Amino acid sequence: MRKALAVLTMAAAFAAGPAFAQTTTTLYRSVSVEKGKPVRLAVVTALKKDCTQGEVGGVRIINAPKNGQLAVRSGKIKTPASFRCPNVETPVQGLFYQSKANFSGPDEVSYETRTPEGATETYTVKITVTDKPGGAGAAPAAGGAKKDGLLEL
């Protein structure tokens, strides 16, 4: 009887496994940046969908840029009024890119974040490094917001 129960329990776990698996979302974006200047690509918050605080899922680099450097920094930020959870101070991790001083042209970065609920989000960012500030599609210096757990500038 115990063996039959154990077999049924394992069978149910295997059948239900995909329903309990965390989802992965893949997103793409492009930015233009001035060569040699640091720019914040993303900010990962610790806010859950119901606006309670969870753990910062962190940033994991999948593909580093060929013509620049990335830095991941931890801190706190107050969410903008346009954010899904407005005016909330939360722990964050920010992802920053800086091209080589003499480089202009295309570069690319891929990274992964984990939401406070445990879902994985993979981002690929196509970067155009320009000689002049404020190229088409340039990331704003401050402000922009996305309605989920990732603030983007």
N, C-alpha and C. Protein backbone atom coordinates (compact mmCIF):
# COMPACT_ATOMS: atom_id res chain seq x y z
N MET A 1 0.81 -1.19 0.00
CA MET A 1 0.00 0.00 0.00
C MET A 1 0.86 1.26 0.00
N ARG A 2 1.93 1.28 0.84
CA ARG A 2 2.80 2.45 0.90
C ARG A 2 3.50 2.68 -0.44
N LYS A 3 3.93 1.57 -1.09
CA LYS A 3 4.60 1.71 -2.38
C LYS A 3 3.65 2.28 -3.41
N ALA A 4 2.41 1.82 -3.41
CA ALA A 4 1.41 2.32 -4.36
C ALA A 4 1.17 3.81 -4.12
N LEU A 5 1.09 4.22 -2.86
CA LEU A 5 0.87 5.62 -2.53
C LEU A 5 2.08 6.46 -2.97
N ALA A 6 3.27 5.94 -2.73
CA ALA A 6 4.48 6.65 -3.14
C ALA A 6 4.55 6.80 -4.65
N VAL A 7 4.19 5.75 -5.38
CA VAL A 7 4.20 5.80 -6.85
C VAL A 7 3.18 6.81 -7.34
N LEU A 8 1.99 6.82 -6.75
CA LEU A 8 0.95 7.77 -7.15
C LEU A 8 1.38 9.21 -6.84
N THR A 9 2.01 9.42 -5.69
CA THR A 9 2.48 10.75 -5.33
C THR A 9 3.53 11.24 -6.31
N MET A 10 4.48 10.37 -6.67
CA MET A 10 5.52 10.75 -7.63
C MET A 10 4.92 11.02 -9.01
N ALA A 11 3.97 10.20 -9.43
CA ALA A 11 3.32 10.39 -10.72
C ALA A 11 2.59 11.73 -10.75
N ALA A 12 1.91 12.06 -9.66
CA ALA A 12 1.20 13.34 -9.59
C ALA A 12 2.18 14.51 -9.63
N ALA A 13 3.31 14.37 -8.96
CA ALA A 13 4.32 15.44 -8.96
C ALA A 13 4.89 15.65 -10.36
N PHE A 14 5.17 14.58 -11.09
CA PHE A 14 5.69 14.71 -12.45
C PHE A 14 4.64 15.32 -13.37
N ALA A 15 3.40 14.92 -13.22
CA ALA A 15 2.33 15.44 -14.08
C ALA A 15 2.09 16.92 -13.78
N ALA A 16 2.19 17.33 -12.53
CA ALA A 16 1.94 18.72 -12.16
C ALA A 16 3.18 19.58 -12.29
N GLY A 17 4.34 18.99 -12.47
CA GLY A 17 5.61 19.72 -12.52
C GLY A 17 5.58 20.95 -13.40
N PRO A 18 5.18 20.85 -14.68
CA PRO A 18 5.19 22.03 -15.53
C PRO A 18 4.27 23.14 -15.02
N ALA A 19 3.20 22.78 -14.35
CA ALA A 19 2.29 23.81 -13.83
C ALA A 19 2.95 24.63 -12.73
N PHE A 20 3.88 24.02 -12.00
CA PHE A 20 4.55 24.72 -10.92
C PHE A 20 5.87 25.34 -11.33
N ALA A 21 6.32 25.09 -12.54
CA ALA A 21 7.60 25.63 -13.00
C ALA A 21 7.51 27.15 -13.14
N GLN A 22 8.59 27.84 -12.81
CA GLN A 22 8.64 29.29 -12.97
C GLN A 22 8.77 29.63 -14.45
N THR A 23 8.13 30.69 -14.86
CA THR A 23 8.17 31.08 -16.26
C THR A 23 9.39 31.96 -16.53
N THR A 24 9.83 31.94 -17.78
CA THR A 24 10.91 32.79 -18.22
C THR A 24 10.38 33.69 -19.31
N THR A 25 10.60 34.98 -19.18
CA THR A 25 10.20 35.95 -20.17
C THR A 25 11.46 36.51 -20.81
N THR A 26 11.48 36.61 -22.15
CA THR A 26 12.62 37.18 -22.85
C THR A 26 12.18 38.51 -23.46
N LEU A 27 12.94 39.56 -23.17
CA LEU A 27 12.62 40.90 -23.65
C LEU A 27 13.82 41.49 -24.39
N TYR A 28 13.53 42.36 -25.35
CA TYR A 28 14.58 43.00 -26.14
C TYR A 28 14.36 44.50 -26.11
N ARG A 29 15.46 45.24 -26.12
CA ARG A 29 15.37 46.69 -26.24
C ARG A 29 16.66 47.22 -26.85
N SER A 30 16.63 48.46 -27.29
CA SER A 30 17.83 49.09 -27.83
C SER A 30 17.98 50.48 -27.24
N VAL A 31 19.23 50.89 -27.08
CA VAL A 31 19.54 52.22 -26.57
C VAL A 31 20.71 52.79 -27.35
N SER A 32 20.77 54.11 -27.38
CA SER A 32 21.95 54.82 -27.92
C SER A 32 22.61 55.51 -26.75
N VAL A 33 23.93 55.42 -26.68
CA VAL A 33 24.68 56.01 -25.57
C VAL A 33 25.88 56.76 -26.13
N GLU A 34 26.35 57.73 -25.37
CA GLU A 34 27.54 58.46 -25.76
C GLU A 34 28.78 57.66 -25.35
N LYS A 35 29.75 57.58 -26.26
CA LYS A 35 30.93 56.76 -25.97
C LYS A 35 31.66 57.24 -24.73
N GLY A 36 32.12 56.25 -23.95
CA GLY A 36 32.90 56.52 -22.76
C GLY A 36 32.11 56.98 -21.55
N LYS A 37 30.81 57.23 -21.69
CA LYS A 37 29.99 57.72 -20.58
C LYS A 37 29.19 56.56 -19.97
N PRO A 38 29.16 56.45 -18.64
CA PRO A 38 28.36 55.39 -18.02
C PRO A 38 26.87 55.68 -18.18
N VAL A 39 26.09 54.63 -18.40
CA VAL A 39 24.65 54.77 -18.53
C VAL A 39 23.98 53.61 -17.79
N ARG A 40 22.90 53.92 -17.10
CA ARG A 40 22.16 52.89 -16.37
C ARG A 40 21.22 52.21 -17.36
N LEU A 41 21.37 50.90 -17.51
CA LEU A 41 20.51 50.14 -18.41
C LEU A 41 19.23 49.69 -17.72
N ALA A 42 19.32 49.34 -16.45
CA ALA A 42 18.14 48.82 -15.76
C ALA A 42 18.30 48.92 -14.25
N VAL A 43 17.17 48.88 -13.57
CA VAL A 43 17.12 48.82 -12.11
C VAL A 43 16.13 47.73 -11.74
N VAL A 44 16.59 46.77 -10.97
CA VAL A 44 15.74 45.65 -10.53
C VAL A 44 15.32 45.92 -9.09
N THR A 45 14.01 45.97 -8.86
CA THR A 45 13.49 46.27 -7.52
C THR A 45 13.18 44.99 -6.75
N ALA A 46 12.86 45.18 -5.47
CA ALA A 46 12.46 44.07 -4.62
C ALA A 46 10.94 44.05 -4.43
N LEU A 47 10.21 44.85 -5.20
CA LEU A 47 8.76 44.96 -5.01
C LEU A 47 8.01 43.83 -5.70
N LYS A 48 7.13 43.20 -4.95
CA LYS A 48 6.26 42.17 -5.52
C LYS A 48 5.10 42.85 -6.24
N LYS A 49 4.31 42.06 -6.96
CA LYS A 49 3.18 42.62 -7.71
C LYS A 49 2.18 43.32 -6.80
N ASP A 50 2.06 42.87 -5.54
CA ASP A 50 1.12 43.51 -4.62
C ASP A 50 1.77 44.67 -3.86
N CYS A 51 2.96 45.09 -4.30
CA CYS A 51 3.71 46.22 -3.75
C CYS A 51 4.34 45.96 -2.39
N THR A 52 4.32 44.72 -1.89
CA THR A 52 5.07 44.39 -0.69
C THR A 52 6.51 44.11 -1.09
N GLN A 53 7.42 44.22 -0.13
CA GLN A 53 8.83 44.01 -0.43
C GLN A 53 9.20 42.54 -0.32
N GLY A 54 9.96 42.09 -1.31
CA GLY A 54 10.53 40.76 -1.30
C GLY A 54 12.04 40.90 -1.35
N GLU A 55 12.68 39.90 -1.89
CA GLU A 55 14.13 39.94 -2.06
C GLU A 55 14.46 40.48 -3.45
N VAL A 56 15.55 41.23 -3.55
CA VAL A 56 16.03 41.66 -4.87
C VAL A 56 16.54 40.41 -5.57
N GLY A 57 15.98 40.11 -6.72
CA GLY A 57 16.36 38.90 -7.45
C GLY A 57 17.76 38.96 -8.02
N GLY A 58 18.28 40.14 -8.18
CA GLY A 58 19.64 40.29 -8.68
C GLY A 58 19.74 40.27 -10.18
N VAL A 59 20.94 40.54 -10.65
CA VAL A 59 21.25 40.58 -12.08
C VAL A 59 22.36 39.58 -12.34
N ARG A 60 22.16 38.73 -13.33
CA ARG A 60 23.20 37.78 -13.75
C ARG A 60 23.51 38.06 -15.20
N ILE A 61 24.78 38.33 -15.49
CA ILE A 61 25.20 38.63 -16.86
C ILE A 61 25.29 37.32 -17.64
N ILE A 62 24.62 37.29 -18.79
CA ILE A 62 24.66 36.12 -19.68
C ILE A 62 25.72 36.33 -20.74
N ASN A 63 25.67 37.47 -21.43
CA ASN A 63 26.67 37.83 -22.45
C ASN A 63 27.17 39.23 -22.17
N ALA A 64 28.44 39.33 -21.84
CA ALA A 64 29.05 40.62 -21.56
C ALA A 64 29.27 41.38 -22.87
N PRO A 65 29.35 42.71 -22.80
CA PRO A 65 29.60 43.48 -24.01
C PRO A 65 31.03 43.24 -24.53
N LYS A 66 31.20 43.34 -25.83
CA LYS A 66 32.53 43.15 -26.43
C LYS A 66 33.34 44.45 -26.42
N ASN A 67 32.63 45.58 -26.36
CA ASN A 67 33.31 46.87 -26.49
C ASN A 67 33.03 47.81 -25.33
N GLY A 68 32.83 47.24 -24.16
CA GLY A 68 32.56 48.04 -22.98
C GLY A 68 32.56 47.18 -21.73
N GLN A 69 32.14 47.79 -20.63
CA GLN A 69 32.11 47.10 -19.35
C GLN A 69 30.74 47.26 -18.71
N LEU A 70 30.39 46.28 -17.88
CA LEU A 70 29.16 46.34 -17.10
C LEU A 70 29.52 46.40 -15.62
N ALA A 71 28.66 47.07 -14.87
CA ALA A 71 28.79 47.09 -13.41
C ALA A 71 27.40 46.89 -12.83
N VAL A 72 27.31 46.07 -11.79
CA VAL A 72 26.07 45.87 -11.06
C VAL A 72 26.27 46.50 -9.69
N ARG A 73 25.37 47.42 -9.34
CA ARG A 73 25.48 48.12 -8.06
C ARG A 73 24.19 47.96 -7.27
N SER A 74 24.35 47.82 -5.96
CA SER A 74 23.19 47.70 -5.06
C SER A 74 22.93 49.02 -4.37
N GLY A 75 21.69 49.27 -4.04
CA GLY A 75 21.32 50.49 -3.34
C GLY A 75 19.85 50.50 -3.03
N LYS A 76 19.32 51.71 -2.81
CA LYS A 76 17.89 51.91 -2.58
C LYS A 76 17.44 53.01 -3.52
N ILE A 77 16.14 52.94 -3.87
CA ILE A 77 15.58 53.96 -4.74
C ILE A 77 14.12 54.17 -4.33
N LYS A 78 13.65 55.39 -4.51
CA LYS A 78 12.23 55.67 -4.32
C LYS A 78 11.59 55.61 -5.70
N THR A 79 10.57 54.77 -5.85
CA THR A 79 9.95 54.57 -7.16
C THR A 79 9.26 55.86 -7.60
N PRO A 80 9.26 56.12 -8.92
CA PRO A 80 8.59 57.33 -9.42
C PRO A 80 7.07 57.23 -9.29
N ALA A 81 6.42 58.37 -9.37
CA ALA A 81 4.96 58.42 -9.23
C ALA A 81 4.27 57.61 -10.32
N SER A 82 4.90 57.43 -11.48
CA SER A 82 4.29 56.70 -12.59
C SER A 82 4.47 55.18 -12.46
N PHE A 83 5.22 54.73 -11.49
CA PHE A 83 5.48 53.30 -11.30
C PHE A 83 4.25 52.61 -10.73
N ARG A 84 4.13 51.32 -10.96
CA ARG A 84 3.02 50.50 -10.47
C ARG A 84 2.85 50.65 -8.96
N CYS A 85 3.94 50.75 -8.22
CA CYS A 85 3.92 50.98 -6.78
C CYS A 85 4.58 52.34 -6.55
N PRO A 86 3.81 53.44 -6.65
CA PRO A 86 4.43 54.77 -6.62
C PRO A 86 4.98 55.17 -5.26
N ASN A 87 6.10 55.92 -5.32
CA ASN A 87 6.70 56.55 -4.15
C ASN A 87 7.02 55.59 -3.01
N VAL A 88 7.58 54.44 -3.36
CA VAL A 88 7.97 53.44 -2.37
C VAL A 88 9.49 53.31 -2.40
N GLU A 89 10.11 53.38 -1.22
CA GLU A 89 11.55 53.16 -1.17
C GLU A 89 11.81 51.66 -1.10
N THR A 90 12.69 51.17 -1.96
CA THR A 90 12.93 49.73 -2.06
C THR A 90 14.39 49.45 -2.36
N PRO A 91 14.92 48.32 -1.88
CA PRO A 91 16.26 47.91 -2.28
C PRO A 91 16.26 47.59 -3.78
N VAL A 92 17.37 47.88 -4.44
CA VAL A 92 17.48 47.65 -5.88
C VAL A 92 18.88 47.18 -6.25
N GLN A 93 18.98 46.65 -7.46
CA GLN A 93 20.27 46.45 -8.10
C GLN A 93 20.19 47.14 -9.45
N GLY A 94 21.20 47.93 -9.75
CA GLY A 94 21.25 48.66 -11.02
C GLY A 94 22.32 48.05 -11.91
N LEU A 95 22.05 48.04 -13.22
CA LEU A 95 23.00 47.55 -14.21
C LEU A 95 23.47 48.75 -15.02
N PHE A 96 24.80 48.96 -15.06
CA PHE A 96 25.39 50.11 -15.74
C PHE A 96 26.33 49.63 -16.84
N TYR A 97 26.32 50.35 -17.97
CA TYR A 97 27.19 50.05 -19.12
C TYR A 97 28.05 51.26 -19.41
N GLN A 98 29.31 51.01 -19.76
CA GLN A 98 30.20 52.08 -20.22
C GLN A 98 31.06 51.51 -21.34
N SER A 99 31.03 52.18 -22.51
CA SER A 99 31.82 51.71 -23.64
C SER A 99 33.29 52.04 -23.43
N LYS A 100 34.13 51.41 -24.23
CA LYS A 100 35.54 51.78 -24.26
C LYS A 100 35.62 53.23 -24.74
N ALA A 101 36.61 53.96 -24.24
CA ALA A 101 36.71 55.40 -24.53
C ALA A 101 36.78 55.72 -26.01
N ASN A 102 37.42 54.87 -26.81
CA ASN A 102 37.61 55.17 -28.23
C ASN A 102 36.66 54.39 -29.14
N PHE A 103 35.63 53.77 -28.59
CA PHE A 103 34.75 52.92 -29.39
C PHE A 103 33.47 53.66 -29.77
N SER A 104 33.06 53.52 -31.04
CA SER A 104 31.74 53.93 -31.53
C SER A 104 31.23 52.78 -32.36
N GLY A 105 29.94 52.51 -32.27
CA GLY A 105 29.36 51.43 -33.06
C GLY A 105 28.43 50.57 -32.22
N PRO A 106 28.10 49.38 -32.74
CA PRO A 106 27.15 48.52 -32.03
C PRO A 106 27.82 47.67 -30.94
N ASP A 107 27.08 47.43 -29.90
CA ASP A 107 27.49 46.52 -28.84
C ASP A 107 26.21 45.83 -28.36
N GLU A 108 26.34 44.80 -27.57
CA GLU A 108 25.16 44.06 -27.11
C GLU A 108 25.44 43.44 -25.76
N VAL A 109 24.41 43.38 -24.95
CA VAL A 109 24.47 42.83 -23.61
C VAL A 109 23.25 41.93 -23.40
N SER A 110 23.44 40.80 -22.75
CA SER A 110 22.31 39.97 -22.32
C SER A 110 22.47 39.71 -20.83
N TYR A 111 21.36 39.85 -20.12
CA TYR A 111 21.38 39.60 -18.68
C TYR A 111 20.06 39.00 -18.25
N GLU A 112 20.07 38.47 -17.04
CA GLU A 112 18.90 37.80 -16.50
C GLU A 112 18.60 38.39 -15.13
N THR A 113 17.31 38.55 -14.85
CA THR A 113 16.89 38.97 -13.52
C THR A 113 15.86 37.97 -13.00
N ARG A 114 15.66 37.97 -11.71
CA ARG A 114 14.64 37.12 -11.10
C ARG A 114 13.72 38.05 -10.31
N THR A 115 12.43 37.93 -10.57
CA THR A 115 11.46 38.76 -9.86
C THR A 115 11.34 38.30 -8.41
N PRO A 116 10.81 39.15 -7.53
CA PRO A 116 10.62 38.71 -6.14
C PRO A 116 9.69 37.49 -6.02
N GLU A 117 8.85 37.27 -7.04
CA GLU A 117 7.97 36.10 -7.04
C GLU A 117 8.68 34.85 -7.57
N GLY A 118 9.89 35.01 -8.13
CA GLY A 118 10.67 33.86 -8.58
C GLY A 118 10.72 33.65 -10.08
N ALA A 119 9.96 34.41 -10.86
CA ALA A 119 10.01 34.27 -12.32
C ALA A 119 11.33 34.85 -12.86
N THR A 120 11.80 34.30 -13.96
CA THR A 120 13.04 34.76 -14.58
C THR A 120 12.72 35.61 -15.79
N GLU A 121 13.43 36.73 -15.91
CA GLU A 121 13.30 37.60 -17.07
C GLU A 121 14.68 37.74 -17.69
N THR A 122 14.76 37.47 -19.00
CA THR A 122 16.02 37.59 -19.73
C THR A 122 15.91 38.78 -20.67
N TYR A 123 16.92 39.64 -20.65
CA TYR A 123 16.93 40.84 -21.47
C TYR A 123 18.13 40.82 -22.41
N THR A 124 17.91 41.22 -23.64
CA THR A 124 18.99 41.47 -24.59
C THR A 124 18.88 42.94 -24.97
N VAL A 125 19.97 43.68 -24.77
CA VAL A 125 19.98 45.11 -25.08
C VAL A 125 20.99 45.35 -26.20
N LYS A 126 20.48 45.87 -27.31
CA LYS A 126 21.35 46.28 -28.42
C LYS A 126 21.72 47.73 -28.17
N ILE A 127 23.02 47.98 -28.08
CA ILE A 127 23.53 49.30 -27.71
C ILE A 127 24.21 49.92 -28.93
N THR A 128 23.84 51.16 -29.23
CA THR A 128 24.53 51.92 -30.27
C THR A 128 25.35 52.99 -29.56
N VAL A 129 26.66 52.90 -29.68
CA VAL A 129 27.56 53.86 -29.05
C VAL A 129 27.85 54.94 -30.07
N THR A 130 27.54 56.20 -29.69
CA THR A 130 27.70 57.34 -30.60
C THR A 130 28.77 58.29 -30.09
N ASP A 131 29.21 59.19 -30.98
CA ASP A 131 30.20 60.20 -30.61
C ASP A 131 29.57 61.37 -29.86
N LYS A 132 28.26 61.56 -30.06
CA LYS A 132 27.59 62.73 -29.49
C LYS A 132 26.53 62.30 -28.48
N PRO A 133 26.29 63.16 -27.48
CA PRO A 133 25.25 62.83 -26.50
C PRO A 133 23.85 62.92 -27.11
N GLY A 134 22.93 62.15 -26.52
CA GLY A 134 21.53 62.26 -26.89
C GLY A 134 21.19 61.73 -28.26
N GLY A 135 21.86 60.68 -28.71
CA GLY A 135 21.54 60.08 -30.00
C GLY A 135 20.12 59.54 -30.00
N ALA A 136 19.61 59.19 -31.17
CA ALA A 136 18.24 58.67 -31.28
C ALA A 136 18.07 57.47 -30.36
N GLY A 137 17.02 57.49 -29.57
CA GLY A 137 16.74 56.37 -28.67
C GLY A 137 17.59 56.37 -27.42
N ALA A 138 18.24 57.49 -27.13
CA ALA A 138 19.10 57.56 -25.95
C ALA A 138 18.30 57.36 -24.69
N ALA A 139 18.91 56.70 -23.73
CA ALA A 139 18.25 56.49 -22.44
C ALA A 139 18.20 57.83 -21.72
N PRO A 140 17.05 58.20 -21.15
CA PRO A 140 16.98 59.46 -20.41
C PRO A 140 17.86 59.42 -19.17
N ALA A 141 18.27 60.57 -18.70
CA ALA A 141 19.15 60.65 -17.54
C ALA A 141 18.45 60.20 -16.26
N ALA A 142 17.16 60.42 -16.16
CA ALA A 142 16.41 59.99 -14.98
C ALA A 142 14.95 59.89 -15.35
N GLY A 143 14.25 59.04 -14.60
CA GLY A 143 12.82 59.01 -14.82
C GLY A 143 12.28 57.71 -15.32
N GLY A 144 12.26 57.31 -16.51
CA GLY A 144 11.49 56.25 -17.12
C GLY A 144 11.04 55.14 -16.19
N ALA A 145 9.92 54.55 -16.47
CA ALA A 145 9.42 53.50 -15.60
C ALA A 145 8.71 52.43 -16.40
N LYS A 146 8.81 51.23 -15.90
CA LYS A 146 8.07 50.09 -16.45
C LYS A 146 7.14 49.66 -15.34
N LYS A 147 6.00 49.12 -15.67
CA LYS A 147 4.99 48.84 -14.66
C LYS A 147 5.25 47.58 -13.83
N ASP A 148 6.22 46.74 -14.17
CA ASP A 148 6.49 45.56 -13.34
C ASP A 148 7.68 45.83 -12.42
N GLY A 149 8.45 44.82 -12.07
CA GLY A 149 9.51 44.96 -11.09
C GLY A 149 10.78 45.56 -11.62
N LEU A 150 10.84 45.95 -12.89
CA LEU A 150 12.08 46.48 -13.44
C LEU A 150 11.88 47.90 -13.89
N LEU A 151 12.59 48.83 -13.26
CA LEU A 151 12.58 50.22 -13.71
C LEU A 151 13.64 50.34 -14.78
N GLU A 152 13.33 51.00 -15.84
CA GLU A 152 14.32 51.18 -16.90
C GLU A 152 14.49 52.65 -17.19
N LEU A 153 15.71 53.04 -17.45
CA LEU A 153 16.01 54.43 -17.80
C LEU A 153 16.58 54.48 -19.18
